[in-house]
Protein backbone atom coordinates (compact mmCIF):
# COMPACT_ATOMS: atom_id res chain seq x y z
CA MET A 1 -18.38 -1.46 -11.99
CA GLN A 2 -17.15 1.78 -10.42
CA VAL A 3 -17.68 5.49 -10.97
CA PHE A 4 -14.71 7.84 -10.89
CA CYS A 5 -15.40 11.56 -10.83
CA ASP A 6 -13.30 14.71 -11.04
CA PHE A 7 -14.06 17.42 -8.48
CA ASP A 8 -13.13 21.01 -9.45
CA GLY A 9 -15.51 22.26 -12.12
CA THR A 10 -17.29 18.90 -12.26
CA ILE A 11 -18.79 18.41 -8.80
CA SER A 12 -17.96 21.92 -7.59
CA ILE A 13 -19.35 24.85 -9.54
CA GLU A 14 -16.18 26.87 -9.05
CA ASP A 15 -12.60 25.63 -9.16
CA ALA A 16 -11.84 25.64 -5.43
CA THR A 17 -8.07 25.60 -5.87
CA ASP A 18 -8.10 28.54 -8.27
CA MET A 19 -10.35 30.46 -5.87
CA VAL A 20 -7.94 29.91 -2.98
CA LEU A 21 -4.90 30.84 -5.05
CA SER A 22 -6.57 33.94 -6.49
CA ARG A 23 -7.43 35.18 -3.00
CA PHE A 24 -4.39 34.14 -0.99
CA ALA A 25 -1.38 33.50 -3.27
CA GLY A 26 -0.76 36.75 -5.14
CA SER A 27 -0.11 36.85 -8.88
CA GLU A 28 2.89 34.51 -8.93
CA TRP A 29 0.61 31.47 -9.00
CA GLU A 30 -0.57 32.46 -12.48
CA ASP A 31 3.02 32.48 -13.78
CA ILE A 32 3.44 28.93 -12.48
CA GLU A 33 0.10 27.98 -14.07
CA ARG A 34 1.35 29.22 -17.45
CA GLN A 35 4.49 27.09 -17.13
CA TRP A 36 2.29 24.04 -16.61
CA LYS A 37 -0.02 24.85 -19.53
CA GLN A 38 3.01 25.35 -21.77
CA GLY A 39 4.33 21.94 -20.79
CA PHE A 40 7.43 23.08 -18.92
CA ILE A 41 6.38 21.43 -15.65
CA GLY A 42 3.93 18.72 -14.63
CA SER A 43 0.74 19.48 -12.75
CA GLY A 44 2.17 17.93 -9.59
CA GLU A 45 5.08 20.38 -9.44
CA CYS A 46 2.74 23.20 -10.46
CA MET A 47 0.39 22.54 -7.57
CA ARG A 48 3.14 22.12 -4.99
CA ARG A 49 4.72 25.43 -5.92
CA GLN A 50 1.38 27.23 -5.98
CA ILE A 51 0.14 25.92 -2.64
CA ALA A 52 3.40 27.00 -0.98
CA LEU A 53 2.49 30.60 -1.93
CA ILE A 54 -0.72 30.67 0.14
CA GLN A 55 -0.73 33.26 2.91
CA ALA A 56 -3.87 32.78 4.95
CA SER A 57 -4.99 31.55 8.34
CA ARG A 58 -6.95 28.31 8.54
CA LYS A 59 -9.96 30.39 9.56
CA ASP A 60 -9.74 32.59 6.46
CA LEU A 61 -9.10 29.57 4.25
CA ASP A 62 -12.15 27.75 5.60
CA ALA A 63 -14.30 30.87 5.26
CA LEU A 64 -13.49 31.02 1.55
CA LEU A 65 -14.12 27.31 1.06
CA ASN A 66 -17.52 27.79 2.70
CA THR A 67 -18.55 29.89 -0.32
CA VAL A 68 -17.86 27.13 -2.88
CA SER A 69 -21.03 25.56 -4.28
CA ILE A 70 -21.52 22.05 -5.62
CA ASP A 71 -23.68 20.91 -8.50
CA ALA A 72 -27.32 20.89 -7.39
CA GLY A 73 -27.87 17.41 -8.85
CA PHE A 74 -24.86 15.72 -7.28
CA LYS A 75 -26.64 14.41 -4.17
CA GLU A 76 -29.37 12.78 -6.25
CA PHE A 77 -26.65 11.27 -8.43
CA LEU A 78 -24.98 9.81 -5.32
CA SER A 79 -28.29 8.39 -4.14
CA TYR A 80 -28.79 6.63 -7.47
CA CYS A 81 -25.26 5.21 -7.37
CA SER A 82 -25.78 3.96 -3.83
CA LEU A 83 -29.07 2.24 -4.70
CA SER A 84 -27.48 0.76 -7.81
CA ASP A 85 -24.43 -0.55 -5.94
CA LEU A 86 -22.08 1.71 -7.92
CA PRO A 87 -19.13 2.79 -5.74
CA VAL A 88 -18.13 6.42 -6.37
CA THR A 89 -14.53 7.63 -6.03
CA ILE A 90 -13.54 11.26 -6.35
CA VAL A 91 -10.22 11.37 -8.18
CA SER A 92 -8.82 14.88 -8.35
CA ASP A 93 -5.55 16.61 -9.11
CA GLY A 94 -6.75 19.20 -6.59
CA VAL A 95 -6.40 19.36 -2.81
CA ASP A 96 -7.89 16.78 -0.46
CA TYR A 97 -8.55 19.26 2.37
CA PHE A 98 -10.47 21.62 0.07
CA ILE A 99 -12.61 18.76 -1.28
CA ARG A 100 -13.41 17.24 2.11
CA HIS A 101 -14.28 20.63 3.61
CA ILE A 102 -16.64 21.57 0.77
CA LEU A 103 -18.39 18.19 0.76
CA ALA A 104 -18.68 18.04 4.55
CA ARG A 105 -20.68 21.29 4.49
CA GLN A 106 -23.13 19.46 2.22
CA GLY A 107 -23.37 16.48 4.55
CA ILE A 108 -21.26 14.28 2.26
CA ASP A 109 -18.48 12.59 4.20
CA ASP A 110 -18.43 8.96 3.12
CA LEU A 111 -16.84 9.09 -0.34
CA ARG A 112 -13.43 7.73 -1.19
CA ILE A 113 -11.25 10.66 -2.22
CA VAL A 114 -7.92 10.40 -4.06
CA ALA A 115 -6.22 13.80 -4.26
CA ASN A 116 -3.09 15.75 -3.34
CA VAL A 117 -2.59 15.91 0.43
CA LEU A 118 -2.44 19.29 2.16
CA SER A 119 -0.18 19.80 5.15
CA TYR A 120 -0.05 22.96 7.26
CA ARG A 121 1.89 24.20 10.26
CA PHE A 122 2.15 27.32 12.38
CA ALA A 123 5.64 28.82 12.51
CA GLN A 124 7.13 32.29 12.92
CA GLY A 125 3.74 33.77 13.66
CA ARG A 126 1.91 32.47 10.59
CA GLU A 127 0.51 29.34 9.02
CA SER A 128 2.28 27.81 6.04
CA TYR A 129 1.04 25.15 3.64
CA SER A 130 2.67 22.30 1.76
CA LEU A 131 1.24 19.84 -0.72
CA PHE A 132 2.21 16.20 -1.08
CA PRO A 133 1.28 14.03 -4.05
CA SER A 134 -0.99 11.04 -3.74
CA PRO A 135 0.84 7.69 -3.55
CA THR A 136 -0.61 7.03 -7.00
CA ALA A 137 1.67 9.73 -8.47
CA THR A 138 4.81 7.59 -8.43
CA GLY A 139 5.94 7.09 -12.01
CA CYS A 140 3.07 9.11 -13.51
CA MET A 141 3.90 9.79 -17.15
CA SER A 142 2.10 13.15 -17.00
CA GLY A 143 3.91 14.36 -13.89
CA SER A 144 0.61 14.71 -12.05
CA GLY A 145 0.17 14.79 -8.30
CA VAL A 146 -2.55 12.17 -8.79
CA CYS A 147 -2.19 9.58 -11.53
CA LYS A 148 -5.82 9.17 -12.56
CA CYS A 149 -4.94 6.40 -15.00
CA ARG A 150 -3.49 4.31 -12.18
CA VAL A 151 -6.51 4.94 -9.93
CA VAL A 152 -9.09 3.79 -12.48
CA LYS A 153 -7.14 0.62 -13.28
CA SER A 154 -8.29 -0.75 -9.92
CA ALA A 155 -11.80 -1.28 -11.31
CA GLU A 156 -13.01 -3.98 -13.70
CA LEU A 157 -15.50 -1.67 -15.45
CA GLN A 158 -14.94 2.08 -15.21
CA ILE A 159 -17.22 5.07 -15.65
CA TYR A 160 -15.40 8.40 -15.67
CA ILE A 161 -16.90 11.89 -15.27
CA GLY A 162 -14.84 15.02 -15.85
CA ASP A 163 -14.44 18.43 -17.41
CA GLY A 164 -10.84 19.57 -17.75
CA ARG A 165 -7.16 19.16 -18.54
CA SER A 166 -6.39 16.79 -15.66
CA ASP A 167 -8.91 14.36 -17.19
CA PHE A 168 -7.35 14.21 -20.65
CA CYS A 169 -4.92 11.34 -20.09
CA VAL A 170 -7.54 9.03 -18.56
CA ALA A 171 -10.30 9.63 -21.12
CA ASP A 172 -9.23 6.85 -23.51
CA LYS A 173 -8.49 4.33 -20.74
CA VAL A 174 -11.98 3.80 -19.32
CA ASP A 175 -15.13 2.05 -20.52
CA LEU A 176 -17.53 5.01 -20.45
CA VAL A 177 -16.79 8.75 -20.34
CA PHE A 178 -19.17 11.55 -19.42
CA ALA A 179 -17.53 14.80 -20.46
CA LYS A 180 -18.18 18.54 -20.59
CA ALA A 181 -16.20 21.72 -21.27
CA LYS A 182 -12.51 21.17 -22.14
CA LEU A 183 -12.71 17.41 -21.75
CA ALA A 184 -15.54 17.20 -24.28
CA ASP A 185 -13.49 19.31 -26.72
CA TYR A 186 -10.48 17.05 -26.17
CA CYS A 187 -12.54 13.92 -26.84
CA ASP A 188 -14.00 15.48 -29.99
CA ASP A 189 -10.54 16.38 -31.31
CA ARG A 190 -9.19 12.86 -30.75
CA GLY A 191 -12.23 10.81 -31.65
CA ILE A 192 -12.68 9.47 -28.13
CA PRO A 193 -16.29 8.29 -27.57
CA TYR A 194 -18.08 10.13 -24.77
CA VAL A 195 -21.47 11.24 -23.52
CA GLY A 196 -21.81 14.99 -23.16
CA PHE A 197 -23.47 16.58 -20.14
CA GLU A 198 -24.00 20.01 -18.63
CA ASN A 199 -24.62 19.10 -14.98
CA PHE A 200 -25.54 16.07 -12.86
CA THR A 201 -29.26 16.68 -13.34
CA ASP A 202 -28.61 16.31 -17.07
CA LEU A 203 -26.18 13.42 -16.61
CA LEU A 204 -28.30 11.13 -14.43
CA PRO A 205 -31.01 10.15 -16.95
CA LYS A 206 -28.32 9.57 -19.57
CA MET A 207 -26.48 7.23 -17.22
CA LYS A 208 -29.69 5.35 -16.39
CA ALA A 209 -30.37 4.87 -20.10
CA ILE A 210 -26.84 3.78 -21.05
CA LEU A 211 -25.74 1.53 -18.18
CA PRO A 212 -27.81 -1.56 -19.09
CA SER A 213 -26.23 -1.76 -22.55
CA VAL A 214 -22.73 -1.14 -21.17
CA THR A 215 -23.20 -3.94 -18.66
CA ARG A 216 -24.47 -6.34 -21.35
CA GLU A 217 -21.48 -5.59 -23.58
CA HIS A 218 -19.09 -6.11 -20.69
CA ARG A 219 -20.65 -9.45 -19.77
CA ALA A 220 -20.47 -10.57 -23.41
CA LEU A 221 -16.79 -9.64 -23.56
CA LEU A 222 -16.04 -11.57 -20.37
CA HIS A 223 -17.91 -14.58 -21.76
CA SER A 224 -15.93 -14.48 -25.01
CA LYS A 225 -12.65 -14.41 -23.08
CA THR A 226 -13.57 -17.43 -20.98
CA ALA A 227 -15.28 -19.48 -23.69
């Protein structure tokens, strides 16, 4: 059994990528965002084009990332998962550097992270940034930089936690979904079973109550397949 968790807006209070783009990319990033929301481009292309617009030094970028908060209950959630032998993977269509920097400030540096890969270089007197998709993106039907569906397939029993558009395609492909915000609305509209939550402090007791029954059902299913 494994836990897969979105980052921006789920673990982080703010959307770190949107914060960076709003501060350092000018207004053009919002035009690209609209093209993605209207279905003209995939999220992978959207992110690559947006990140290329960033005009900021590493120092200024890090200073902004230092202001991003994470959910107050996330560390307790991680402690429970560790004691319960539940591996946690962050799977995000965001930026690996942003995620690692934010978590490192909280003393969290041992999680597996699957996300778009940020590259930067100094040339012509300024730093420039490029974004490369995760290896999981190859052949992604949604055109994402990270194919969340492919990532979760690596686990025998999957728990998924998320909040937004990048989580839509994976919601009906896992065993248990914890959802809030846009993801909860999406699940409601399509009749996808989920457990609603507001934050990790709210989520944890729900997970503790549900997991034993999920595990029993999974074991019963495995037994029926081998009988």
